[in-house]
């Protein structure tokens, strides 16, 4: 898995940037969760048919 390899290799940097961003803009968490849920549910939709 290319995506998980990239994330695992950069998890410390991602946590640092995300922590700083969310401490400055806490409302951004709502947007991130909204778009993440859209991606998760859009992938599950064809399985329901």
Protein backbone atom coordinates (compact mmCIF):
# COMPACT_ATOMS: atom_id res chain seq x y z
CA UNK A 1 0.00 0.00 0.00
CA UNK A 2 1.64 3.19 -1.20
CA UNK A 3 -0.62 5.49 0.83
CA UNK A 4 -0.03 3.76 4.13
CA UNK A 5 3.72 3.58 3.49
CA UNK A 6 3.84 7.34 2.89
CA UNK A 7 1.76 8.11 5.97
CA UNK A 8 3.76 5.75 8.19
CA UNK A 9 6.99 7.37 7.04
CA UNK A 10 5.77 10.90 7.75
CA UNK A 11 3.43 10.43 10.71
CA UNK A 12 5.46 12.66 13.03
CA UNK A 13 5.43 15.57 10.59
CA UNK A 14 1.75 15.08 9.84
CA UNK A 15 0.91 15.16 13.56
CA UNK A 16 2.96 18.31 14.07
CA UNK A 17 1.42 20.19 11.14
CA UNK A 18 -2.10 19.00 11.96
CA UNK A 19 -1.71 19.95 15.62
CA UNK A 20 -0.52 23.45 14.78
CA UNK A 21 -3.21 23.94 12.16
CA UNK A 22 -6.03 22.76 14.43
CA UNK A 23 -4.80 24.82 17.38
CA UNK A 24 -4.91 27.94 15.18
CA UNK A 25 -8.13 27.02 13.34
CA UNK A 26 -10.20 24.58 15.46
CA UNK A 27 -13.17 24.84 13.06
CA UNK A 28 -11.00 23.13 10.43
CA UNK A 29 -11.58 19.80 12.22
CA UNK A 30 -15.24 19.91 11.20
CA UNK A 31 -14.27 20.29 7.54
CA UNK A 32 -11.73 17.47 7.72
CA UNK A 33 -14.24 15.11 9.30
CA UNK A 34 -16.91 16.11 6.79
CA UNK A 35 -14.71 15.36 3.78
CA UNK A 36 -13.37 12.17 5.34
CA UNK A 37 -16.91 10.92 5.91
CA UNK A 38 -17.81 11.74 2.29
CA UNK A 39 -14.89 9.63 1.09
CA UNK A 40 -15.68 6.74 3.42
CA UNK A 41 -19.37 6.64 2.59
CA UNK A 42 -18.87 7.11 -1.14
CA UNK A 43 -16.66 4.00 -1.19
CA UNK A 44 -19.23 2.00 0.76
CA UNK A 45 -22.19 3.01 -1.39
CA UNK A 46 -21.67 0.44 -4.22
CA UNK A 47 -21.45 -2.34 -1.64
CA UNK A 48 -25.00 -1.67 -0.47
CA UNK A 49 -26.58 -2.57 -3.83
